[in-house]
Amino acid sequence: MKAIVTKYLPATNHHGARIKASAEGVASLVIPYPCDKETPFAVAAVALCQRMNWRGHLIGGVLPDGREVFVFARSDRRVVTEGA
């Protein structure tokens, strides 16, 4: 299963703010920060999926260092409940 990790790249003297999306074994993708979108990190993850021709439903979460990560939902996924 692939995990897509996204990271905010602040503006520099040469580039505006950007988001980098990466996954193991593939070249990363950098897009301009989509200020007009409610979920800019998901936009970057979807762009990487489109480039790689990956299909499926993405589920997102946040790592302790603030990076957002996306994984594909599986049809056989398990639901964790309290006490399980």
C-alpha atoms as a PDB file:
ATOM      1  CA  MET A   1       0.000   0.000   0.000  1.00  0.00           C
ATOM      2  CA  LYS A   2       1.315   3.438  -0.908  1.00  0.00           C
ATOM      3  CA  ALA A   3       1.467   6.322   1.544  1.00  0.00           C
ATOM      4  CA  ILE A   4       1.667   9.851   0.176  1.00  0.00           C
ATOM      5  CA  VAL A   5       3.372  12.348   2.462  1.00  0.00           C
ATOM      6  CA  THR A   6       2.806  16.056   1.872  1.00  0.00           C
ATOM      7  CA  LYS A   7       4.897  18.912   3.194  1.00  0.00           C
ATOM      8  CA  TYR A   8       4.492  22.692   3.124  1.00  0.00           C
ATOM      9  CA  LEU A   9       7.422  24.537   1.523  1.00  0.00           C
ATOM     10  CA  PRO A  10       7.496  28.232   2.512  1.00  0.00           C
ATOM     11  CA  ALA A  11       8.104  31.007   0.021  1.00  0.00           C
ATOM     12  CA  THR A  12      11.694  31.886  -0.862  1.00  0.00           C
ATOM     13  CA  ASN A  13      13.271  34.710  -2.863  1.00  0.00           C
ATOM     14  CA  HIS A  14      12.721  32.626  -6.014  1.00  0.00           C
ATOM     15  CA  HIS A  15       9.509  30.660  -5.411  1.00  0.00           C
ATOM     16  CA  GLY A  16       6.135  31.250  -3.815  1.00  0.00           C
ATOM     17  CA  ALA A  17       4.763  28.894  -1.173  1.00  0.00           C
ATOM     18  CA  ARG A  18       4.448  25.305  -2.409  1.00  0.00           C
ATOM     19  CA  ILE A  19       3.394  21.834  -1.337  1.00  0.00           C
ATOM     20  CA  LYS A  20       5.514  18.761  -1.985  1.00  0.00           C
ATOM     21  CA  ALA A  21       3.865  15.348  -2.334  1.00  0.00           C
ATOM     22  CA  SER A  22       6.054  12.251  -2.222  1.00  0.00           C
ATOM     23  CA  ALA A  23       5.739   8.486  -2.022  1.00  0.00           C
ATOM     24  CA  GLU A  24       8.362   5.780  -1.815  1.00  0.00           C
ATOM     25  CA  GLY A  25       9.715   4.685  -5.181  1.00  0.00           C
ATOM     26  CA  VAL A  26       8.354   7.578  -7.259  1.00  0.00           C
ATOM     27  CA  ALA A  27       9.557  11.071  -8.075  1.00  0.00           C
ATOM     28  CA  SER A  28       8.039  13.721  -5.817  1.00  0.00           C
ATOM     29  CA  LEU A  29       5.693  16.394  -7.114  1.00  0.00           C
ATOM     30  CA  VAL A  30       5.739  20.066  -6.118  1.00  0.00           C
ATOM     31  CA  ILE A  31       2.751  22.330  -6.783  1.00  0.00           C
ATOM     32  CA  PRO A  32       2.147  26.003  -6.011  1.00  0.00           C
ATOM     33  CA  TYR A  33       0.248  26.402  -2.745  1.00  0.00           C
ATOM     34  CA  PRO A  34      -3.430  26.416  -3.798  1.00  0.00           C
ATOM     35  CA  CYS A  35      -4.657  29.278  -1.592  1.00  0.00           C
ATOM     36  CA  ASP A  36      -8.182  29.021  -2.962  1.00  0.00           C
ATOM     37  CA  LYS A  37      -8.654  25.398  -1.859  1.00  0.00           C
ATOM     38  CA  GLU A  38      -9.990  24.221   1.492  1.00  0.00           C
ATOM     39  CA  THR A  39      -7.736  21.140   1.494  1.00  0.00           C
ATOM     40  CA  PRO A  40      -4.461  22.174  -0.180  1.00  0.00           C
ATOM     41  CA  PHE A  41      -2.501  19.105   0.952  1.00  0.00           C
ATOM     42  CA  ALA A  42      -5.141  16.789  -0.514  1.00  0.00           C
ATOM     43  CA  VAL A  43      -4.853  18.709  -3.802  1.00  0.00           C
ATOM     44  CA  ALA A  44      -1.144  17.838  -3.921  1.00  0.00           C
ATOM     45  CA  ALA A  45      -1.791  14.176  -3.032  1.00  0.00           C
ATOM     46  CA  VAL A  46      -4.434  13.870  -5.750  1.00  0.00           C
ATOM     47  CA  ALA A  47      -2.096  15.506  -8.285  1.00  0.00           C
ATOM     48  CA  LEU A  48       0.560  12.878  -7.519  1.00  0.00           C
ATOM     49  CA  CYS A  49      -2.049  10.109  -7.875  1.00  0.00           C
ATOM     50  CA  GLN A  50      -3.132  11.497 -11.237  1.00  0.00           C
ATOM     51  CA  ARG A  51       0.446  11.674 -12.477  1.00  0.00           C
ATOM     52  CA  MET A  52       1.080   8.060 -11.401  1.00  0.00           C
ATOM     53  CA  ASN A  53      -2.351   6.888 -12.630  1.00  0.00           C
ATOM     54  CA  TRP A  54      -3.220   5.592  -9.156  1.00  0.00           C
ATOM     55  CA  ARG A  55      -6.927   5.086  -8.454  1.00  0.00           C
ATOM     56  CA  GLY A  56      -8.843   4.699  -5.205  1.00  0.00           C
ATOM     57  CA  HIS A  57     -10.228   6.529  -2.208  1.00  0.00           C
ATOM     58  CA  LEU A  58      -7.709   8.488  -0.143  1.00  0.00           C
ATOM     59  CA  ILE A  59      -7.859   8.828   3.624  1.00  0.00           C
ATOM     60  CA  GLY A  60      -5.797  11.592   5.228  1.00  0.00           C
ATOM     61  CA  GLY A  61      -4.214  12.198   8.589  1.00  0.00           C
ATOM     62  CA  VAL A  62      -1.547  14.325  10.249  1.00  0.00           C
ATOM     63  CA  LEU A  63       1.847  13.162  11.527  1.00  0.00           C
ATOM     64  CA  PRO A  64       3.294  14.530  14.787  1.00  0.00           C
ATOM     65  CA  ASP A  65       5.646  16.830  12.842  1.00  0.00           C
ATOM     66  CA  GLY A  66       2.712  18.473  11.041  1.00  0.00           C
ATOM     67  CA  ARG A  67       3.064  16.753   7.668  1.00  0.00           C
ATOM     68  CA  GLU A  68      -0.165  15.409   6.220  1.00  0.00           C
ATOM     69  CA  VAL A  69      -0.212  11.830   4.958  1.00  0.00           C
ATOM     70  CA  PHE A  70      -2.692  10.076   2.691  1.00  0.00           C
ATOM     71  CA  VAL A  71      -3.259   6.362   2.175  1.00  0.00           C
ATOM     72  CA  PHE A  72      -5.646   4.404   0.001  1.00  0.00           C
ATOM     73  CA  ALA A  73      -8.699   2.881   1.671  1.00  0.00           C
ATOM     74  CA  ARG A  74      -9.021  -0.853   1.142  1.00  0.00           C
ATOM     75  CA  SER A  75     -12.306  -2.671   0.747  1.00  0.00           C
ATOM     76  CA  ASP A  76     -11.219  -5.173   3.414  1.00  0.00           C
ATOM     77  CA  ARG A  77     -10.217  -2.461   5.921  1.00  0.00           C
ATOM     78  CA  ARG A  78     -10.911  -3.120   9.555  1.00  0.00           C
ATOM     79  CA  VAL A  79     -12.857  -0.789  11.768  1.00  0.00           C
ATOM     80  CA  VAL A  80     -11.291  -0.284  15.191  1.00  0.00           C
ATOM     81  CA  THR A  81     -13.679   0.329  18.036  1.00  0.00           C
ATOM     82  CA  GLU A  82     -13.085   0.959  21.713  1.00  0.00           C
ATOM     83  CA  GLY A  83     -12.005  -2.191  23.496  1.00  0.00           C
ATOM     84  CA  ALA A  84     -11.134  -4.035  20.276  1.00  0.00           C
END
